[in-house]
Amino acid sequence: MTLSIYIGNKVYSSWSLRGWLAVRQSGLPFNEVVVPLYDEAWSERREAPEFAPSHGKVPILWDGDKPVWESLAIIDYLADKVGRDRFWPADDAARAFARSLASEMHAGYQALRQQHGMNLRHVYAPEPLTPEVEENVRRITSLWDQAKRRFAQDGDYLFGDFGAVDIMFAPVVSRFRTYSIPLPSLAADYCDAVWAHPFMVEWSEGAAGESWVIDKFERAGERG
């Protein structure tokens, strides 16, 4: 049975990006349903049966009559279907580190998220970062450095091949690009590799075709 994933606007919806990348990584056929967030019909639309299990949040994946929501849950559900090695490193030490990184990403870095929302429509000139965001950036790039040096071998991604951790950090890569955040060379090279991945190119092309503007996710001079 073909999967169906309900996602928000590709320009802005970081969690939708993670869920969608997970389905693409699975290699399984799927239907994609883009739902405009926060428009006039959103309050009513989010009450529809397809969103009931997630209480109106995206992404939500349906496998027949089985719903799965939350990005890590979607990753693990799909890994159970197609094989763990498609998403997670086979080596025990690498997999333990990868799962820790993915979980920290799922729960952390609130300053970066709140002050630098995902927006694929723009690339802004660099501006000073708050101390809280600087700390988030240091932590993220330190973890990337550890993963790359310990587990990537000659691969372009954090654990060699593209997988779950790269999916979880993909919106961070987009934020670093949008806000021109300075990065160490290894982190910058990693961001370039993620941005050039065919799945990210496909998502970005979809975002470029969107016309919706959500004012609260835009800077004042670019609204409307």
C-alpha atoms as a PDB file:
ATOM      1  CA  MET A   1       0.000   0.000   0.000  1.00  0.00           C
ATOM      2  CA  THR A   2       1.332   3.460  -0.913  1.00  0.00           C
ATOM      3  CA  LEU A   3       2.274   5.741   1.953  1.00  0.00           C
ATOM      4  CA  SER A   4       0.848   9.247   2.264  1.00  0.00           C
ATOM      5  CA  ILE A   5       2.677  12.059   4.011  1.00  0.00           C
ATOM      6  CA  TYR A   6       1.020  15.342   4.917  1.00  0.00           C
ATOM      7  CA  ILE A   7       3.471  18.227   5.115  1.00  0.00           C
ATOM      8  CA  GLY A   8       3.397  21.992   5.539  1.00  0.00           C
ATOM      9  CA  ASN A   9       4.840  24.724   3.370  1.00  0.00           C
ATOM     10  CA  LYS A  10       8.219  23.673   1.999  1.00  0.00           C
ATOM     11  CA  VAL A  11       9.649  27.164   2.424  1.00  0.00           C
ATOM     12  CA  TYR A  12       9.114  27.218   6.172  1.00  0.00           C
ATOM     13  CA  SER A  13       8.255  23.832   7.675  1.00  0.00           C
ATOM     14  CA  SER A  14      11.403  22.315   9.145  1.00  0.00           C
ATOM     15  CA  TRP A  15       9.669  19.300  10.692  1.00  0.00           C
ATOM     16  CA  SER A  16       7.924  18.584   7.402  1.00  0.00           C
ATOM     17  CA  LEU A  17      11.304  18.550   5.685  1.00  0.00           C
ATOM     18  CA  ARG A  18      12.541  15.883   8.083  1.00  0.00           C
ATOM     19  CA  GLY A  19       9.500  13.663   7.618  1.00  0.00           C
ATOM     20  CA  TRP A  20       9.574  14.028   3.848  1.00  0.00           C
ATOM     21  CA  LEU A  21      13.301  13.267   3.659  1.00  0.00           C
ATOM     22  CA  ALA A  22      12.701  10.142   5.729  1.00  0.00           C
ATOM     23  CA  VAL A  23      10.122   8.869   3.262  1.00  0.00           C
ATOM     24  CA  ARG A  24      12.381   9.658   0.305  1.00  0.00           C
ATOM     25  CA  GLN A  25      15.254   7.877   2.052  1.00  0.00           C
ATOM     26  CA  SER A  26      13.090   4.786   2.581  1.00  0.00           C
ATOM     27  CA  GLY A  27      12.750   4.306  -1.169  1.00  0.00           C
ATOM     28  CA  LEU A  28       9.072   3.403  -0.752  1.00  0.00           C
ATOM     29  CA  PRO A  29       6.420   4.898  -3.048  1.00  0.00           C
ATOM     30  CA  PHE A  30       4.387   7.654  -1.418  1.00  0.00           C
ATOM     31  CA  ASN A  31       1.841  10.372  -1.987  1.00  0.00           C
ATOM     32  CA  GLU A  32       2.740  13.890  -0.884  1.00  0.00           C
ATOM     33  CA  VAL A  33       0.046  16.264   0.349  1.00  0.00           C
ATOM     34  CA  VAL A  34       1.161  19.861   0.964  1.00  0.00           C
ATOM     35  CA  VAL A  35      -1.076  21.721   3.381  1.00  0.00           C
ATOM     36  CA  PRO A  36      -0.696  25.531   3.592  1.00  0.00           C
ATOM     37  CA  LEU A  37      -0.047  26.429   7.225  1.00  0.00           C
ATOM     38  CA  TYR A  38      -1.667  29.360   9.035  1.00  0.00           C
ATOM     39  CA  ASP A  39      -3.872  30.538   6.173  1.00  0.00           C
ATOM     40  CA  GLU A  40      -7.514  31.514   6.742  1.00  0.00           C
ATOM     41  CA  ALA A  41      -8.664  27.911   6.531  1.00  0.00           C
ATOM     42  CA  TRP A  42      -5.942  26.417   8.731  1.00  0.00           C
ATOM     43  CA  SER A  43      -7.924  26.282  11.989  1.00  0.00           C
ATOM     44  CA  GLU A  44     -10.651  24.303  10.288  1.00  0.00           C
ATOM     45  CA  ARG A  45      -8.354  22.209   8.108  1.00  0.00           C
ATOM     46  CA  ARG A  46      -6.258  20.983  11.011  1.00  0.00           C
ATOM     47  CA  GLU A  47      -9.380  19.439  12.545  1.00  0.00           C
ATOM     48  CA  ALA A  48      -9.729  17.060   9.579  1.00  0.00           C
ATOM     49  CA  PRO A  49      -9.497  13.313  10.327  1.00  0.00           C
ATOM     50  CA  GLU A  50      -6.071  12.960   8.691  1.00  0.00           C
ATOM     51  CA  PHE A  51      -4.615  15.313  11.337  1.00  0.00           C
ATOM     52  CA  ALA A  52      -6.513  14.031  14.365  1.00  0.00           C
ATOM     53  CA  PRO A  53      -3.755  11.694  15.668  1.00  0.00           C
ATOM     54  CA  SER A  54      -1.126  14.469  15.595  1.00  0.00           C
ATOM     55  CA  HIS A  55      -3.514  17.129  16.921  1.00  0.00           C
ATOM     56  CA  GLY A  56      -3.107  19.174  13.751  1.00  0.00           C
ATOM     57  CA  LYS A  57       0.685  18.960  13.505  1.00  0.00           C
ATOM     58  CA  VAL A  58       2.719  18.134  10.411  1.00  0.00           C
ATOM     59  CA  PRO A  59       4.296  15.975   9.226  1.00  0.00           C
ATOM     60  CA  ILE A  60       2.014  13.035   9.668  1.00  0.00           C
ATOM     61  CA  LEU A  61       2.562   9.803   7.752  1.00  0.00           C
ATOM     62  CA  TRP A  62      -0.244   7.372   6.961  1.00  0.00           C
ATOM     63  CA  ASP A  63       0.512   3.774   6.066  1.00  0.00           C
ATOM     64  CA  GLY A  64      -2.972   2.637   5.133  1.00  0.00           C
ATOM     65  CA  ASP A  65      -4.956   3.226   8.310  1.00  0.00           C
ATOM     66  CA  LYS A  66      -1.832   3.502  10.501  1.00  0.00           C
ATOM     67  CA  PRO A  67      -0.717   7.056  11.386  1.00  0.00           C
ATOM     68  CA  VAL A  68       2.816   7.975  12.431  1.00  0.00           C
ATOM     69  CA  TRP A  69       3.838  11.469  13.487  1.00  0.00           C
ATOM     70  CA  GLU A  70       6.949  13.108  14.969  1.00  0.00           C
ATOM     71  CA  SER A  71      10.017  12.966  12.769  1.00  0.00           C
ATOM     72  CA  LEU A  72      12.052  10.461  14.763  1.00  0.00           C
ATOM     73  CA  ALA A  73       9.039   8.159  14.995  1.00  0.00           C
ATOM     74  CA  ILE A  74       8.610   8.368  11.216  1.00  0.00           C
ATOM     75  CA  ILE A  75      12.290   7.557  10.704  1.00  0.00           C
ATOM     76  CA  ASP A  76      12.152   4.540  12.987  1.00  0.00           C
ATOM     77  CA  TYR A  77       8.859   3.291  11.553  1.00  0.00           C
ATOM     78  CA  LEU A  78      10.301   3.399   8.051  1.00  0.00           C
ATOM     79  CA  ALA A  79      13.567   1.817   9.204  1.00  0.00           C
ATOM     80  CA  ASP A  80      11.532  -1.098  10.547  1.00  0.00           C
ATOM     81  CA  LYS A  81       9.930  -1.496   7.123  1.00  0.00           C
ATOM     82  CA  VAL A  82      12.997  -1.229   4.882  1.00  0.00           C
ATOM     83  CA  GLY A  83      15.917  -2.090   7.141  1.00  0.00           C
ATOM     84  CA  ARG A  84      17.724  -0.167   9.828  1.00  0.00           C
ATOM     85  CA  ASP A  85      20.937   0.206   7.829  1.00  0.00           C
ATOM     86  CA  ARG A  86      19.234   2.504   5.336  1.00  0.00           C
ATOM     87  CA  PHE A  87      18.916   5.081   8.125  1.00  0.00           C
ATOM     88  CA  TRP A  88      21.393   4.234  10.883  1.00  0.00           C
ATOM     89  CA  PRO A  89      25.068   3.193  10.920  1.00  0.00           C
ATOM     90  CA  ALA A  90      25.654  -0.543  11.198  1.00  0.00           C
ATOM     91  CA  ASP A  91      28.527  -0.179  13.671  1.00  0.00           C
ATOM     92  CA  ASP A  92      27.337  -0.180  17.295  1.00  0.00           C
ATOM     93  CA  ALA A  93      29.488   2.751  18.429  1.00  0.00           C
ATOM     94  CA  ALA A  94      28.539   4.845  15.421  1.00  0.00           C
ATOM     95  CA  ARG A  95      24.853   4.011  15.813  1.00  0.00           C
ATOM     96  CA  ALA A  96      24.907   4.940  19.506  1.00  0.00           C
ATOM     97  CA  PHE A  97      26.474   8.294  18.667  1.00  0.00           C
ATOM     98  CA  ALA A  98      24.067   8.831  15.770  1.00  0.00           C
ATOM     99  CA  ARG A  99      20.988   8.153  17.883  1.00  0.00           C
ATOM    100  CA  SER A 100      22.252  10.548  20.552  1.00  0.00           C
ATOM    101  CA  LEU A 101      22.798  13.297  17.973  1.00  0.00           C
ATOM    102  CA  ALA A 102      19.367  12.771  16.453  1.00  0.00           C
ATOM    103  CA  SER A 103      17.669  12.872  19.857  1.00  0.00           C
ATOM    104  CA  GLU A 104      19.551  16.004  20.907  1.00  0.00           C
ATOM    105  CA  MET A 105      18.516  17.664  17.649  1.00  0.00           C
ATOM    106  CA  HIS A 106      14.903  16.649  18.224  1.00  0.00           C
ATOM    107  CA  ALA A 107      14.800  18.247  21.668  1.00  0.00           C
ATOM    108  CA  GLY A 108      17.382  21.012  21.607  1.00  0.00           C
ATOM    109  CA  TYR A 109      18.789  24.208  20.110  1.00  0.00           C
ATOM    110  CA  GLN A 110      15.777  26.339  20.971  1.00  0.00           C
ATOM    111  CA  ALA A 111      17.579  29.651  20.519  1.00  0.00           C
ATOM    112  CA  LEU A 112      18.600  28.823  16.951  1.00  0.00           C
ATOM    113  CA  ARG A 113      15.105  27.600  16.139  1.00  0.00           C
ATOM    114  CA  GLN A 114      13.308  30.581  17.626  1.00  0.00           C
ATOM    115  CA  GLN A 115      15.594  33.328  16.366  1.00  0.00           C
ATOM    116  CA  HIS A 116      16.419  31.858  12.950  1.00  0.00           C
ATOM    117  CA  GLY A 117      13.345  30.149  11.566  1.00  0.00           C
ATOM    118  CA  MET A 118      13.622  28.049   8.428  1.00  0.00           C
ATOM    119  CA  ASN A 119      12.995  30.132   5.320  1.00  0.00           C
ATOM    120  CA  LEU A 120      14.248  28.813   1.985  1.00  0.00           C
ATOM    121  CA  ARG A 121      13.153  31.955   0.176  1.00  0.00           C
ATOM    122  CA  HIS A 122      16.044  34.145   1.302  1.00  0.00           C
ATOM    123  CA  VAL A 123      19.768  34.310   1.949  1.00  0.00           C
ATOM    124  CA  TYR A 124      20.408  37.185   4.346  1.00  0.00           C
ATOM    125  CA  ALA A 125      23.610  39.101   4.940  1.00  0.00           C
ATOM    126  CA  PRO A 126      25.442  38.037   8.115  1.00  0.00           C
ATOM    127  CA  GLU A 127      24.363  39.686  11.346  1.00  0.00           C
ATOM    128  CA  PRO A 128      25.673  39.331  14.908  1.00  0.00           C
ATOM    129  CA  LEU A 129      24.318  36.289  16.713  1.00  0.00           C
ATOM    130  CA  THR A 130      22.985  36.286  20.257  1.00  0.00           C
ATOM    131  CA  PRO A 131      25.132  34.447  22.810  1.00  0.00           C
ATOM    132  CA  GLU A 132      22.490  31.720  23.027  1.00  0.00           C
ATOM    133  CA  VAL A 133      22.568  31.111  19.270  1.00  0.00           C
ATOM    134  CA  GLU A 134      26.359  31.201  19.250  1.00  0.00           C
ATOM    135  CA  GLU A 135      26.360  28.475  21.900  1.00  0.00           C
ATOM    136  CA  ASN A 136      23.926  26.382  19.820  1.00  0.00           C
ATOM    137  CA  VAL A 137      26.145  26.773  16.750  1.00  0.00           C
ATOM    138  CA  ARG A 138      29.264  25.789  18.698  1.00  0.00           C
ATOM    139  CA  ARG A 139      27.560  22.712  20.090  1.00  0.00           C
ATOM    140  CA  ILE A 140      26.184  21.612  16.726  1.00  0.00           C
ATOM    141  CA  THR A 141      29.442  22.099  14.828  1.00  0.00           C
ATOM    142  CA  SER A 142      31.392  20.348  17.600  1.00  0.00           C
ATOM    143  CA  LEU A 143      29.142  17.299  17.313  1.00  0.00           C
ATOM    144  CA  TRP A 144      29.420  17.360  13.532  1.00  0.00           C
ATOM    145  CA  ASP A 145      33.201  17.495  13.822  1.00  0.00           C
ATOM    146  CA  GLN A 146      33.270  14.523  16.202  1.00  0.00           C
ATOM    147  CA  ALA A 147      30.973  12.442  14.017  1.00  0.00           C
ATOM    148  CA  LYS A 148      32.825  13.223  10.803  1.00  0.00           C
ATOM    149  CA  ARG A 149      36.266  12.528  12.242  1.00  0.00           C
ATOM    150  CA  ARG A 150      35.291   9.342  14.059  1.00  0.00           C
ATOM    151  CA  PHE A 151      32.744   7.707  11.790  1.00  0.00           C
ATOM    152  CA  ALA A 152      32.475   9.247   8.324  1.00  0.00           C
ATOM    153  CA  GLN A 153      35.581   7.656   6.781  1.00  0.00           C
ATOM    154  CA  ASP A 154      35.643   9.234   3.307  1.00  0.00           C
ATOM    155  CA  GLY A 155      31.882   9.885   3.087  1.00  0.00           C
ATOM    156  CA  ASP A 156      30.368  13.315   2.687  1.00  0.00           C
ATOM    157  CA  TYR A 157      27.875  12.963   5.531  1.00  0.00           C
ATOM    158  CA  LEU A 158      28.157  12.690   9.294  1.00  0.00           C
ATOM    159  CA  PHE A 159      28.404   8.901   9.318  1.00  0.00           C
ATOM    160  CA  GLY A 160      29.583   8.372   5.764  1.00  0.00           C
ATOM    161  CA  ASP A 161      26.349   7.704   3.904  1.00  0.00           C
ATOM    162  CA  PHE A 162      23.295   9.960   4.054  1.00  0.00           C
ATOM    163  CA  GLY A 163      21.008   8.813   6.856  1.00  0.00           C
ATOM    164  CA  ALA A 164      18.797   9.639   9.811  1.00  0.00           C
ATOM    165  CA  VAL A 165      21.122  12.130  11.488  1.00  0.00           C
ATOM    166  CA  ASP A 166      21.606  14.091   8.272  1.00  0.00           C
ATOM    167  CA  ILE A 167      17.823  14.140   7.886  1.00  0.00           C
ATOM    168  CA  MET A 168      17.406  15.521  11.395  1.00  0.00           C
ATOM    169  CA  PHE A 169      20.010  18.250  10.832  1.00  0.00           C
ATOM    170  CA  ALA A 170      18.883  19.211   7.313  1.00  0.00           C
ATOM    171  CA  PRO A 171      16.784  22.186   8.526  1.00  0.00           C
ATOM    172  CA  VAL A 172      19.785  23.409  10.538  1.00  0.00           C
ATOM    173  CA  VAL A 173      21.836  23.316   7.353  1.00  0.00           C
ATOM    174  CA  SER A 174      19.160  25.453   5.696  1.00  0.00           C
ATOM    175  CA  ARG A 175      19.193  27.924   8.598  1.00  0.00           C
ATOM    176  CA  PHE A 176      22.964  28.275   8.476  1.00  0.00           C
ATOM    177  CA  ARG A 177      22.642  29.059   4.767  1.00  0.00           C
ATOM    178  CA  THR A 178      19.665  31.436   5.036  1.00  0.00           C
ATOM    179  CA  TYR A 179      21.270  33.532   7.765  1.00  0.00           C
ATOM    180  CA  SER A 180      24.854  33.284   6.432  1.00  0.00           C
ATOM    181  CA  ILE A 181      26.086  31.972   9.784  1.00  0.00           C
ATOM    182  CA  PRO A 182      29.900  31.611   9.801  1.00  0.00           C
ATOM    183  CA  LEU A 183      31.057  28.006  10.184  1.00  0.00           C
ATOM    184  CA  PRO A 184      34.340  26.107  10.515  1.00  0.00           C
ATOM    185  CA  SER A 185      35.521  24.636   7.230  1.00  0.00           C
ATOM    186  CA  LEU A 186      34.523  21.039   8.016  1.00  0.00           C
ATOM    187  CA  ALA A 187      30.995  22.132   8.982  1.00  0.00           C
ATOM    188  CA  ALA A 188      30.747  24.339   5.905  1.00  0.00           C
ATOM    189  CA  ASP A 189      31.757  21.426   3.655  1.00  0.00           C
ATOM    190  CA  TYR A 190      29.187  19.202   5.327  1.00  0.00           C
ATOM    191  CA  CYS A 191      26.469  21.815   4.780  1.00  0.00           C
ATOM    192  CA  ASP A 192      27.415  22.032   1.108  1.00  0.00           C
ATOM    193  CA  ALA A 193      27.101  18.244   0.792  1.00  0.00           C
ATOM    194  CA  VAL A 194      23.662  18.170   2.425  1.00  0.00           C
ATOM    195  CA  TRP A 195      22.438  21.119   0.372  1.00  0.00           C
ATOM    196  CA  ALA A 196      23.553  19.392  -2.837  1.00  0.00           C
ATOM    197  CA  HIS A 197      21.937  16.045  -1.984  1.00  0.00           C
ATOM    198  CA  PRO A 198      19.335  15.138  -4.643  1.00  0.00           C
ATOM    199  CA  PHE A 199      16.538  14.944  -2.059  1.00  0.00           C
ATOM    200  CA  MET A 200      17.358  18.444  -0.779  1.00  0.00           C
ATOM    201  CA  VAL A 201      17.518  19.761  -4.332  1.00  0.00           C
ATOM    202  CA  GLU A 202      14.080  18.253  -4.983  1.00  0.00           C
ATOM    203  CA  TRP A 203      12.646  19.827  -1.828  1.00  0.00           C
ATOM    204  CA  SER A 204      14.206  23.212  -2.611  1.00  0.00           C
ATOM    205  CA  GLU A 205      12.748  23.164  -6.111  1.00  0.00           C
ATOM    206  CA  GLY A 206       9.328  22.487  -4.609  1.00  0.00           C
ATOM    207  CA  ALA A 207       9.808  25.377  -2.181  1.00  0.00           C
ATOM    208  CA  ALA A 208      10.748  27.691  -5.050  1.00  0.00           C
ATOM    209  CA  GLY A 209       7.379  26.977  -6.642  1.00  0.00           C
ATOM    210  CA  GLU A 210       5.366  28.034  -3.595  1.00  0.00           C
ATOM    211  CA  SER A 211       3.633  31.396  -3.496  1.00  0.00           C
ATOM    212  CA  TRP A 212       2.400  31.358   0.113  1.00  0.00           C
ATOM    213  CA  VAL A 213       3.885  33.967   2.437  1.00  0.00           C
ATOM    214  CA  ILE A 214       3.531  33.535   6.193  1.00  0.00           C
ATOM    215  CA  ASP A 215       4.171  36.949   7.703  1.00  0.00           C
ATOM    216  CA  LYS A 216       5.381  35.752  11.089  1.00  0.00           C
ATOM    217  CA  PHE A 217       8.185  33.805   9.405  1.00  0.00           C
ATOM    218  CA  GLU A 218       9.323  36.733   7.278  1.00  0.00           C
ATOM    219  CA  ARG A 219      11.381  39.780   8.170  1.00  0.00           C
ATOM    220  CA  ALA A 220       9.396  43.018   8.164  1.00  0.00           C
ATOM    221  CA  GLY A 221      10.820  44.301   4.902  1.00  0.00           C
ATOM    222  CA  GLU A 222       9.915  41.141   3.013  1.00  0.00           C
ATOM    223  CA  ARG A 223       6.315  40.647   4.147  1.00  0.00           C
ATOM    224  CA  GLY A 224       3.309  40.890   1.903  1.00  0.00           C
END
